[in-house]
Amino acid sequence: MPKQIVVKVELVGILKGAAGKSAIRLSLKGRATVIDLVEELTSRLGQDFRKAFVDSELGDPRPNALILVNKRDIGTLLNLDTTLHDGDTITLVPVTHGG
C-alpha cells in the first residue's frame, strides 16, 4: 500500500474566496506531484474553485496562479511534476491579468 503524505495548502486572494478557506490539509498517495495536488484540490473544492484556479482553455493552473512549494516557485523546480513530500507547504497566489 502506498504511503500517504500530508501537505498544507495556503490559499490567497480570490482562491481563498473561491475555496471558502485560507488553508487546507490534504492527504495524498505516495509519490505525489503538484499536478496530483491540483487534481485533488479541484475535485475536493468544487467548480467555483476550479474556474478561479485552472485556465479553462489550457487545463493548466499556471496562467492563473503562482504555485510555491516551501516558498519556491515550481518554475524553478520541476513545474507540475515537482514531487511533494510529507509536511510540505504549498502556497497558491492568484495572478492578476490586466487588459
PDB file of N, CA and C in Angstrom:
ATOM      1  N   MET A   1       0.853  -1.189   0.000  1.00  0.00           N
ATOM      2  CA  MET A   1       0.000   0.000   0.000  1.00  0.00           C
ATOM      3  C   MET A   1       0.893   1.244   0.000  1.00  0.00           C
ATOM      4  N   PRO A   2       0.638   2.194  -0.913  1.00  0.00           N
ATOM      5  CA  PRO A   2       1.479   3.390  -0.979  1.00  0.00           C
ATOM      6  C   PRO A   2       1.346   4.232   0.290  1.00  0.00           C
ATOM      7  N   LYS A   3       2.459   4.796   0.667  1.00  0.00           N
ATOM      8  CA  LYS A   3       2.499   5.661   1.837  1.00  0.00           C
ATOM      9  C   LYS A   3       1.713   6.951   1.558  1.00  0.00           C
ATOM     10  N   GLN A   4       1.029   7.441   2.569  1.00  0.00           N
ATOM     11  CA  GLN A   4       0.310   8.710   2.468  1.00  0.00           C
ATOM     12  C   GLN A   4       1.238   9.834   2.920  1.00  0.00           C
ATOM     13  N   ILE A   5       1.104  10.981   2.276  1.00  0.00           N
ATOM     14  CA  ILE A   5       1.784  12.181   2.745  1.00  0.00           C
ATOM     15  C   ILE A   5       0.711  13.215   3.048  1.00  0.00           C
ATOM     16  N   VAL A   6       1.019  14.115   3.963  1.00  0.00           N
ATOM     17  CA  VAL A   6       0.093  15.198   4.300  1.00  0.00           C
ATOM     18  C   VAL A   6       0.803  16.510   4.011  1.00  0.00           C
ATOM     19  N   VAL A   7       0.136  17.360   3.227  1.00  0.00           N
ATOM     20  CA  VAL A   7       0.680  18.673   2.897  1.00  0.00           C
ATOM     21  C   VAL A   7      -0.311  19.744   3.325  1.00  0.00           C
ATOM     22  N   LYS A   8       0.201  20.937   3.519  1.00  0.00           N
ATOM     23  CA  LYS A   8      -0.649  22.088   3.839  1.00  0.00           C
ATOM     24  C   LYS A   8      -0.696  22.976   2.603  1.00  0.00           C
ATOM     25  N   VAL A   9      -1.910  23.376   2.222  1.00  0.00           N
ATOM     26  CA  VAL A   9      -2.092  24.274   1.083  1.00  0.00           C
ATOM     27  C   VAL A   9      -2.622  25.597   1.612  1.00  0.00           C
ATOM     28  N   GLU A  10      -1.886  26.670   1.341  1.00  0.00           N
ATOM     29  CA  GLU A  10      -2.302  28.023   1.730  1.00  0.00           C
ATOM     30  C   GLU A  10      -2.907  28.701   0.503  1.00  0.00           C
ATOM     31  N   LEU A  11      -4.071  29.294   0.679  1.00  0.00           N
ATOM     32  CA  LEU A  11      -4.793  29.935  -0.419  1.00  0.00           C
ATOM     33  C   LEU A  11      -4.852  31.439  -0.181  1.00  0.00           C
ATOM     34  N   VAL A  12      -4.580  32.210  -1.228  1.00  0.00           N
ATOM     35  CA  VAL A  12      -4.510  33.661  -1.125  1.00  0.00           C
ATOM     36  C   VAL A  12      -5.519  34.293  -2.082  1.00  0.00           C
ATOM     37  N   GLY A  13      -6.034  35.461  -1.713  1.00  0.00           N
ATOM     38  CA  GLY A  13      -6.881  36.269  -2.592  1.00  0.00           C
ATOM     39  C   GLY A  13      -8.124  35.558  -3.084  1.00  0.00           C
ATOM     40  N   ILE A  14      -8.383  35.641  -4.396  1.00  0.00           N
ATOM     41  CA  ILE A  14      -9.590  35.072  -4.994  1.00  0.00           C
ATOM     42  C   ILE A  14      -9.660  33.558  -4.779  1.00  0.00           C
ATOM     43  N   LEU A  15      -8.517  32.900  -4.690  1.00  0.00           N
ATOM     44  CA  LEU A  15      -8.515  31.447  -4.458  1.00  0.00           C
ATOM     45  C   LEU A  15      -9.021  31.124  -3.058  1.00  0.00           C
ATOM     46  N   LYS A  16      -8.672  31.985  -2.117  1.00  0.00           N
ATOM     47  CA  LYS A  16      -9.183  31.836  -0.746  1.00  0.00           C
ATOM     48  C   LYS A  16     -10.696  32.007  -0.748  1.00  0.00           C
ATOM     49  N   GLY A  17     -11.185  33.012  -1.469  1.00  0.00           N
ATOM     50  CA  GLY A  17     -12.614  33.251  -1.548  1.00  0.00           C
ATOM     51  C   GLY A  17     -13.362  32.113  -2.235  1.00  0.00           C
ATOM     52  N   ALA A  18     -12.796  31.600  -3.332  1.00  0.00           N
ATOM     53  CA  ALA A  18     -13.442  30.520  -4.082  1.00  0.00           C
ATOM     54  C   ALA A  18     -13.497  29.226  -3.269  1.00  0.00           C
ATOM     55  N   ALA A  19     -12.483  29.021  -2.435  1.00  0.00           N
ATOM     56  CA  ALA A  19     -12.430  27.806  -1.610  1.00  0.00           C
ATOM     57  C   ALA A  19     -13.218  27.961  -0.319  1.00  0.00           C
ATOM     58  N   GLY A  20     -13.426  29.216   0.110  1.00  0.00           N
ATOM     59  CA  GLY A  20     -14.112  29.460   1.377  1.00  0.00           C
ATOM     60  C   GLY A  20     -13.249  29.190   2.587  1.00  0.00           C
ATOM     61  N   LYS A  21     -11.930  29.141   2.365  1.00  0.00           N
ATOM     62  CA  LYS A  21     -10.980  28.920   3.472  1.00  0.00           C
ATOM     63  C   LYS A  21      -9.603  29.392   3.047  1.00  0.00           C
ATOM     64  N   SER A  22      -8.770  29.690   4.021  1.00  0.00           N
ATOM     65  CA  SER A  22      -7.428  30.195   3.718  1.00  0.00           C
ATOM     66  C   SER A  22      -6.374  29.095   3.683  1.00  0.00           C
ATOM     67  N   ALA A  23      -6.700  27.923   4.216  1.00  0.00           N
ATOM     68  CA  ALA A  23      -5.735  26.822   4.223  1.00  0.00           C
ATOM     69  C   ALA A  23      -6.481  25.497   4.302  1.00  0.00           C
ATOM     70  N   ILE A  24      -5.846  24.477   3.786  1.00  0.00           N
ATOM     71  CA  ILE A  24      -6.406  23.128   3.828  1.00  0.00           C
ATOM     72  C   ILE A  24      -5.258  22.134   3.942  1.00  0.00           C
ATOM     73  N   ARG A  25      -5.485  21.092   4.698  1.00  0.00           N
ATOM     74  CA  ARG A  25      -4.521  19.989   4.770  1.00  0.00           C
ATOM     75  C   ARG A  25      -5.038  18.872   3.880  1.00  0.00           C
ATOM     76  N   LEU A  26      -4.152  18.342   3.055  1.00  0.00           N
ATOM     77  CA  LEU A  26      -4.544  17.268   2.150  1.00  0.00           C
ATOM     78  C   LEU A  26      -3.667  16.047   2.370  1.00  0.00           C
ATOM     79  N   SER A  27      -4.290  14.892   2.325  1.00  0.00           N
ATOM     80  CA  SER A  27      -3.552  13.629   2.311  1.00  0.00           C
ATOM     81  C   SER A  27      -3.471  13.187   0.859  1.00  0.00           C
ATOM     82  N   LEU A  28      -2.272  12.875   0.426  1.00  0.00           N
ATOM     83  CA  LEU A  28      -2.044  12.428  -0.941  1.00  0.00           C
ATOM     84  C   LEU A  28      -1.330  11.083  -0.914  1.00  0.00           C
ATOM     85  N   LYS A  29      -1.498  10.314  -1.966  1.00  0.00           N
ATOM     86  CA  LYS A  29      -0.884   8.993  -2.034  1.00  0.00           C
ATOM     87  C   LYS A  29       0.576   9.082  -2.451  1.00  0.00           C
ATOM     88  N   GLY A  30       1.400   8.337  -1.736  1.00  0.00           N
ATOM     89  CA  GLY A  30       2.791   8.074  -2.103  1.00  0.00           C
ATOM     90  C   GLY A  30       3.560   9.164  -2.789  1.00  0.00           C
ATOM     91  N   ARG A  31       4.006   8.900  -3.997  1.00  0.00           N
ATOM     92  CA  ARG A  31       4.853   9.828  -4.745  1.00  0.00           C
ATOM     93  C   ARG A  31       3.976  10.842  -5.481  1.00  0.00           C
ATOM     94  N   ALA A  32       3.411  11.759  -4.731  1.00  0.00           N
ATOM     95  CA  ALA A  32       2.509  12.761  -5.289  1.00  0.00           C
ATOM     96  C   ALA A  32       3.295  13.936  -5.868  1.00  0.00           C
ATOM     97  N   THR A  33       2.738  14.506  -6.922  1.00  0.00           N
ATOM     98  CA  THR A  33       3.337  15.679  -7.555  1.00  0.00           C
ATOM     99  C   THR A  33       2.365  16.852  -7.460  1.00  0.00           C
ATOM    100  N   VAL A  34       2.809  18.013  -7.909  1.00  0.00           N
ATOM    101  CA  VAL A  34       1.952  19.196  -7.892  1.00  0.00           C
ATOM    102  C   VAL A  34       0.691  18.956  -8.724  1.00  0.00           C
ATOM    103  N   ILE A  35       0.804  18.274  -9.855  1.00  0.00           N
ATOM    104  CA  ILE A  35      -0.398  18.026 -10.666  1.00  0.00           C
ATOM    105  C   ILE A  35      -1.382  17.132  -9.915  1.00  0.00           C
ATOM    106  N   ASP A  36      -0.884  16.185  -9.126  1.00  0.00           N
ATOM    107  CA  ASP A  36      -1.773  15.362  -8.296  1.00  0.00           C
ATOM    108  C   ASP A  36      -2.503  16.242  -7.277  1.00  0.00           C
ATOM    109  N   LEU A  37      -1.781  17.186  -6.708  1.00  0.00           N
ATOM    110  CA  LEU A  37      -2.364  18.118  -5.751  1.00  0.00           C
ATOM    111  C   LEU A  37      -3.452  18.963  -6.421  1.00  0.00           C
ATOM    112  N   VAL A  38      -3.176  19.460  -7.618  1.00  0.00           N
ATOM    113  CA  VAL A  38      -4.151  20.263  -8.361  1.00  0.00           C
ATOM    114  C   VAL A  38      -5.426  19.454  -8.589  1.00  0.00           C
ATOM    115  N   GLU A  39      -5.281  18.213  -9.013  1.00  0.00           N
ATOM    116  CA  GLU A  39      -6.451  17.362  -9.269  1.00  0.00           C
ATOM    117  C   GLU A  39      -7.246  17.114  -7.993  1.00  0.00           C
ATOM    118  N   GLU A  40      -6.554  16.845  -6.895  1.00  0.00           N
ATOM    119  CA  GLU A  40      -7.238  16.596  -5.622  1.00  0.00           C
ATOM    120  C   GLU A  40      -7.946  17.864  -5.132  1.00  0.00           C
ATOM    121  N   LEU A  41      -7.269  18.998  -5.209  1.00  0.00           N
ATOM    122  CA  LEU A  41      -7.862  20.267  -4.763  1.00  0.00           C
ATOM    123  C   LEU A  41      -9.114  20.606  -5.561  1.00  0.00           C
ATOM    124  N   THR A  42      -9.029  20.526  -6.886  1.00  0.00           N
ATOM    125  CA  THR A  42     -10.177  20.905  -7.710  1.00  0.00           C
ATOM    126  C   THR A  42     -11.330  19.922  -7.529  1.00  0.00           C
ATOM    127  N   SER A  43     -11.016  18.677  -7.289  1.00  0.00           N
ATOM    128  CA  SER A  43     -12.058  17.685  -7.023  1.00  0.00           C
ATOM    129  C   SER A  43     -12.748  17.976  -5.689  1.00  0.00           C
ATOM    130  N   ARG A  44     -11.959  18.295  -4.692  1.00  0.00           N
ATOM    131  CA  ARG A  44     -12.486  18.491  -3.345  1.00  0.00           C
ATOM    132  C   ARG A  44     -13.179  19.844  -3.167  1.00  0.00           C
ATOM    133  N   LEU A  45     -12.643  20.894  -3.790  1.00  0.00           N
ATOM    134  CA  LEU A  45     -13.155  22.246  -3.534  1.00  0.00           C
ATOM    135  C   LEU A  45     -14.218  22.713  -4.533  1.00  0.00           C
ATOM    136  N   GLY A  46     -14.462  21.962  -5.587  1.00  0.00           N
ATOM    137  CA  GLY A  46     -15.588  22.246  -6.458  1.00  0.00           C
ATOM    138  C   GLY A  46     -15.325  23.156  -7.639  1.00  0.00           C
ATOM    139  N   GLN A  47     -16.391  23.370  -8.395  1.00  0.00           N
ATOM    140  CA  GLN A  47     -16.342  24.066  -9.674  1.00  0.00           C
ATOM    141  C   GLN A  47     -15.926  25.535  -9.571  1.00  0.00           C
ATOM    142  N   ASP A  48     -16.398  26.266  -8.560  1.00  0.00           N
ATOM    143  CA  ASP A  48     -16.011  27.674  -8.424  1.00  0.00           C
ATOM    144  C   ASP A  48     -14.504  27.800  -8.217  1.00  0.00           C
ATOM    145  N   PHE A  49     -13.957  26.914  -7.403  1.00  0.00           N
ATOM    146  CA  PHE A  49     -12.509  26.936  -7.176  1.00  0.00           C
ATOM    147  C   PHE A  49     -11.775  26.579  -8.467  1.00  0.00           C
ATOM    148  N   ARG A  50     -12.244  25.549  -9.151  1.00  0.00           N
ATOM    149  CA  ARG A  50     -11.596  25.126 -10.402  1.00  0.00           C
ATOM    150  C   ARG A  50     -11.565  26.269 -11.415  1.00  0.00           C
ATOM    151  N   LYS A  51     -12.685  26.983 -11.554  1.00  0.00           N
ATOM    152  CA  LYS A  51     -12.750  28.098 -12.503  1.00  0.00           C
ATOM    153  C   LYS A  51     -11.753  29.202 -12.156  1.00  0.00           C
ATOM    154  N   ALA A  52     -11.573  29.465 -10.872  1.00  0.00           N
ATOM    155  CA  ALA A  52     -10.641  30.506 -10.434  1.00  0.00           C
ATOM    156  C   ALA A  52      -9.183  30.070 -10.566  1.00  0.00           C
ATOM    157  N   PHE A  53      -8.941  28.764 -10.425  1.00  0.00           N
ATOM    158  CA  PHE A  53      -7.574  28.247 -10.330  1.00  0.00           C
ATOM    159  C   PHE A  53      -7.003  27.729 -11.646  1.00  0.00           C
ATOM    160  N   VAL A  54      -7.796  27.012 -12.415  1.00  0.00           N
ATOM    161  CA  VAL A  54      -7.294  26.339 -13.616  1.00  0.00           C
ATOM    162  C   VAL A  54      -7.748  27.083 -14.867  1.00  0.00           C
ATOM    163  N   ASP A  55      -6.804  27.401 -15.753  1.00  0.00           N
ATOM    164  CA  ASP A  55      -7.130  28.034 -17.026  1.00  0.00           C
ATOM    165  C   ASP A  55      -7.996  27.078 -17.839  1.00  0.00           C
ATOM    166  N   SER A  56      -9.202  27.516 -18.212  1.00  0.00           N
ATOM    167  CA  SER A  56     -10.163  26.624 -18.874  1.00  0.00           C
ATOM    168  C   SER A  56      -9.707  26.179 -20.259  1.00  0.00           C
ATOM    169  N   GLU A  57      -8.978  27.021 -20.978  1.00  0.00           N
ATOM    170  CA  GLU A  57      -8.521  26.657 -22.319  1.00  0.00           C
ATOM    171  C   GLU A  57      -7.340  25.703 -22.280  1.00  0.00           C
ATOM    172  N   LEU A  58      -6.432  25.928 -21.349  1.00  0.00           N
ATOM    173  CA  LEU A  58      -5.213  25.126 -21.282  1.00  0.00           C
ATOM    174  C   LEU A  58      -5.308  23.941 -20.329  1.00  0.00           C
ATOM    175  N   GLY A  59      -6.267  23.988 -19.403  1.00  0.00           N
ATOM    176  CA  GLY A  59      -6.352  22.938 -18.392  1.00  0.00           C
ATOM    177  C   GLY A  59      -5.162  22.961 -17.456  1.00  0.00           C
ATOM    178  N   ASP A  60      -4.580  24.137 -17.271  1.00  0.00           N
ATOM    179  CA  ASP A  60      -3.345  24.308 -16.513  1.00  0.00           C
ATOM    180  C   ASP A  60      -3.523  25.452 -15.510  1.00  0.00           C
ATOM    181  N   PRO A  61      -3.118  25.276 -14.253  1.00  0.00           N
ATOM    182  CA  PRO A  61      -3.279  26.344 -13.278  1.00  0.00           C
ATOM    183  C   PRO A  61      -2.233  27.457 -13.381  1.00  0.00           C
ATOM    184  N   ARG A  62      -1.118  27.215 -14.067  1.00  0.00           N
ATOM    185  CA  ARG A  62      -0.015  28.183 -14.030  1.00  0.00           C
ATOM    186  C   ARG A  62      -0.330  29.556 -14.608  1.00  0.00           C
ATOM    187  N   PRO A  63      -1.205  29.703 -15.624  1.00  0.00           N
ATOM    188  CA  PRO A  63      -1.528  31.064 -16.060  1.00  0.00           C
ATOM    189  C   PRO A  63      -2.304  31.856 -15.003  1.00  0.00           C
ATOM    190  N   ASN A  64      -3.000  31.163 -14.098  1.00  0.00           N
ATOM    191  CA  ASN A  64      -3.860  31.819 -13.119  1.00  0.00           C
ATOM    192  C   ASN A  64      -3.262  31.943 -11.728  1.00  0.00           C
ATOM    193  N   ALA A  65      -2.195  31.200 -11.450  1.00  0.00           N
ATOM    194  CA  ALA A  65      -1.663  31.203 -10.085  1.00  0.00           C
ATOM    195  C   ALA A  65      -0.167  30.942 -10.059  1.00  0.00           C
ATOM    196  N   LEU A  66       0.470  31.613  -9.127  1.00  0.00           N
ATOM    197  CA  LEU A  66       1.858  31.322  -8.789  1.00  0.00           C
ATOM    198  C   LEU A  66       1.792  30.191  -7.772  1.00  0.00           C
ATOM    199  N   ILE A  67       2.491  29.105  -8.047  1.00  0.00           N
ATOM    200  CA  ILE A  67       2.463  27.945  -7.157  1.00  0.00           C
ATOM    201  C   ILE A  67       3.831  27.813  -6.507  1.00  0.00           C
ATOM    202  N   LEU A  68       3.824  27.900  -5.175  1.00  0.00           N
ATOM    203  CA  LEU A  68       5.069  27.804  -4.408  1.00  0.00           C
ATOM    204  C   LEU A  68       5.058  26.537  -3.569  1.00  0.00           C
ATOM    205  N   VAL A  69       6.169  25.823  -3.575  1.00  0.00           N
ATOM    206  CA  VAL A  69       6.347  24.674  -2.697  1.00  0.00           C
ATOM    207  C   VAL A  69       7.453  25.056  -1.723  1.00  0.00           C
ATOM    208  N   ASN A  70       7.094  25.143  -0.462  1.00  0.00           N
ATOM    209  CA  ASN A  70       8.044  25.588   0.570  1.00  0.00           C
ATOM    210  C   ASN A  70       8.724  26.892   0.166  1.00  0.00           C
ATOM    211  N   LYS A  71       7.903  27.834  -0.330  1.00  0.00           N
ATOM    212  CA  LYS A  71       8.303  29.195  -0.712  1.00  0.00           C
ATOM    213  C   LYS A  71       9.154  29.268  -1.979  1.00  0.00           C
ATOM    214  N   ARG A  72       9.229  28.171  -2.740  1.00  0.00           N
ATOM    215  CA  ARG A  72       9.975  28.170  -4.005  1.00  0.00           C
ATOM    216  C   ARG A  72       8.994  27.990  -5.165  1.00  0.00           C
ATOM    217  N   ASP A  73       9.111  28.880  -6.148  1.00  0.00           N
ATOM    218  CA  ASP A  73       8.265  28.814  -7.339  1.00  0.00           C
ATOM    219  C   ASP A  73       8.509  27.478  -8.047  1.00  0.00           C
ATOM    220  N   ILE A  74       7.417  26.781  -8.415  1.00  0.00           N
ATOM    221  CA  ILE A  74       7.600  25.482  -9.072  1.00  0.00           C
ATOM    222  C   ILE A  74       8.332  25.617 -10.406  1.00  0.00           C
ATOM    223  N   GLY A  75       8.348  26.821 -10.981  1.00  0.00           N
ATOM    224  CA  GLY A  75       9.090  27.062 -12.220  1.00  0.00           C
ATOM    225  C   GLY A  75      10.588  26.880 -12.030  1.00  0.00           C
ATOM    226  N   THR A  76      11.071  27.022 -10.799  1.00  0.00           N
ATOM    227  CA  THR A  76      12.489  26.810 -10.513  1.00  0.00           C
ATOM    228  C   THR A  76      12.750  25.366 -10.078  1.00  0.00           C
ATOM    229  N   LEU A  77      11.691  24.590  -9.986  1.00  0.00           N
ATOM    230  CA  LEU A  77      11.802  23.178  -9.606  1.00  0.00           C
ATOM    231  C   LEU A  77      11.467  22.343 -10.854  1.00  0.00           C
ATOM    232  N   LEU A  78      10.504  21.458 -10.764  1.00  0.00           N
ATOM    233  CA  LEU A  78      10.123  20.624 -11.911  1.00  0.00           C
ATOM    234  C   LEU A  78       8.704  20.934 -12.389  1.00  0.00           C
ATOM    235  N   ASN A  79       8.284  22.201 -12.199  1.00  0.00           N
ATOM    236  CA  ASN A  79       6.940  22.634 -12.583  1.00  0.00           C
ATOM    237  C   ASN A  79       5.875  21.712 -11.994  1.00  0.00           C
ATOM    238  N   LEU A  80       4.894  21.301 -12.796  1.00  0.00           N
ATOM    239  CA  LEU A  80       3.793  20.487 -12.283  1.00  0.00           C
ATOM    240  C   LEU A  80       4.241  19.082 -11.892  1.00  0.00           C
ATOM    241  N   ASP A  81       5.432  18.685 -12.312  1.00  0.00           N
ATOM    242  CA  ASP A  81       5.989  17.371 -11.958  1.00  0.00           C
ATOM    243  C   ASP A  81       6.805  17.406 -10.672  1.00  0.00           C
ATOM    244  N   THR A  82       6.831  18.547  -9.984  1.00  0.00           N
ATOM    245  CA  THR A  82       7.559  18.655  -8.717  1.00  0.00           C
ATOM    246  C   THR A  82       6.981  17.667  -7.716  1.00  0.00           C
ATOM    247  N   THR A  83       7.847  16.836  -7.146  1.00  0.00           N
ATOM    248  CA  THR A  83       7.420  15.846  -6.159  1.00  0.00           C
ATOM    249  C   THR A  83       7.170  16.533  -4.826  1.00  0.00           C
ATOM    250  N   LEU A  84       6.075  16.145  -4.187  1.00  0.00           N
ATOM    251  CA  LEU A  84       5.726  16.677  -2.872  1.00  0.00           C
ATOM    252  C   LEU A  84       6.123  15.673  -1.796  1.00  0.00           C
ATOM    253  N   HIS A  85       6.448  16.208  -0.626  1.00  0.00           N
ATOM    254  CA  HIS A  85       6.870  15.374   0.496  1.00  0.00           C
ATOM    255  C   HIS A  85       6.010  15.679   1.721  1.00  0.00           C
ATOM    256  N   ASP A  86       5.947  14.724   2.612  1.00  0.00           N
ATOM    257  CA  ASP A  86       5.187  14.887   3.841  1.00  0.00           C
ATOM    258  C   ASP A  86       5.633  16.168   4.560  1.00  0.00           C
ATOM    259  N   GLY A  87       4.659  17.005   4.927  1.00  0.00           N
ATOM    260  CA  GLY A  87       4.956  18.236   5.651  1.00  0.00           C
ATOM    261  C   GLY A  87       5.199  19.454   4.783  1.00  0.00           C
ATOM    262  N   ASP A  88       5.212  19.299   3.458  1.00  0.00           N
ATOM    263  CA  ASP A  88       5.412  20.448   2.574  1.00  0.00           C
ATOM    264  C   ASP A  88       4.273  21.449   2.724  1.00  0.00           C
ATOM    265  N   THR A  89       4.598  22.716   2.461  1.00  0.00           N
ATOM    266  CA  THR A  89       3.594  23.775   2.402  1.00  0.00           C
ATOM    267  C   THR A  89       3.544  24.287   0.975  1.00  0.00           C
ATOM    268  N   ILE A  90       2.354  24.247   0.397  1.00  0.00           N
ATOM    269  CA  ILE A  90       2.140  24.736  -0.962  1.00  0.00           C
ATOM    270  C   ILE A  90       1.297  25.995  -0.862  1.00  0.00           C
ATOM    271  N   THR A  91       1.781  27.076  -1.438  1.00  0.00           N
ATOM    272  CA  THR A  91       1.067  28.351  -1.416  1.00  0.00           C
ATOM    273  C   THR A  91       0.601  28.664  -2.828  1.00  0.00           C
ATOM    274  N   LEU A  92      -0.683  28.997  -2.953  1.00  0.00           N
ATOM    275  CA  LEU A  92      -1.271  29.336  -4.249  1.00  0.00           C
ATOM    276  C   LEU A  92      -1.638  30.811  -4.247  1.00  0.00           C
ATOM    277  N   VAL A  93      -0.964  31.584  -5.095  1.00  0.00           N
ATOM    278  CA  VAL A  93      -1.171  33.025  -5.168  1.00  0.00           C
ATOM    279  C   VAL A  93      -1.763  33.359  -6.525  1.00  0.00           C
ATOM    280  N   PRO A  94      -2.960  33.942  -6.582  1.00  0.00           N
ATOM    281  CA  PRO A  94      -3.559  34.256  -7.888  1.00  0.00           C
ATOM    282  C   PRO A  94      -2.744  35.309  -8.624  1.00  0.00           C
ATOM    283  N   VAL A  95      -2.737  35.165  -9.942  1.00  0.00           N
ATOM    284  CA  VAL A  95      -2.054  36.116 -10.820  1.00  0.00           C
ATOM    285  C   VAL A  95      -3.134  37.008 -11.412  1.00  0.00           C
ATOM    286  N   THR A  96      -2.935  38.311 -11.333  1.00  0.00           N
ATOM    287  CA  THR A  96      -3.887  39.256 -11.893  1.00  0.00           C
ATOM    288  C   THR A  96      -3.453  39.616 -13.305  1.00  0.00           C
ATOM    289  N   HIS A  97      -4.376  39.460 -14.244  1.00  0.00           N
ATOM    290  CA  HIS A  97      -4.093  39.800 -15.636  1.00  0.00           C
ATOM    291  C   HIS A  97      -4.803  41.105 -15.948  1.00  0.00           C
ATOM    292  N   GLY A  98      -4.080  42.020 -16.565  1.00  0.00           N
ATOM    293  CA  GLY A  98      -4.677  43.296 -16.939  1.00  0.00           C
ATOM    294  C   GLY A  98      -4.959  43.332 -18.426  1.00  0.00           C
ATOM    295  N   GLY A  99      -5.727  44.324 -18.803  1.00  0.00           N
ATOM    296  CA  GLY A  99      -6.014  44.404 -20.232  1.00  0.00           C
ATOM    297  C   GLY A  99      -6.433  45.773 -20.622  1.00  0.00           C
TER     298      GLY A  99
END
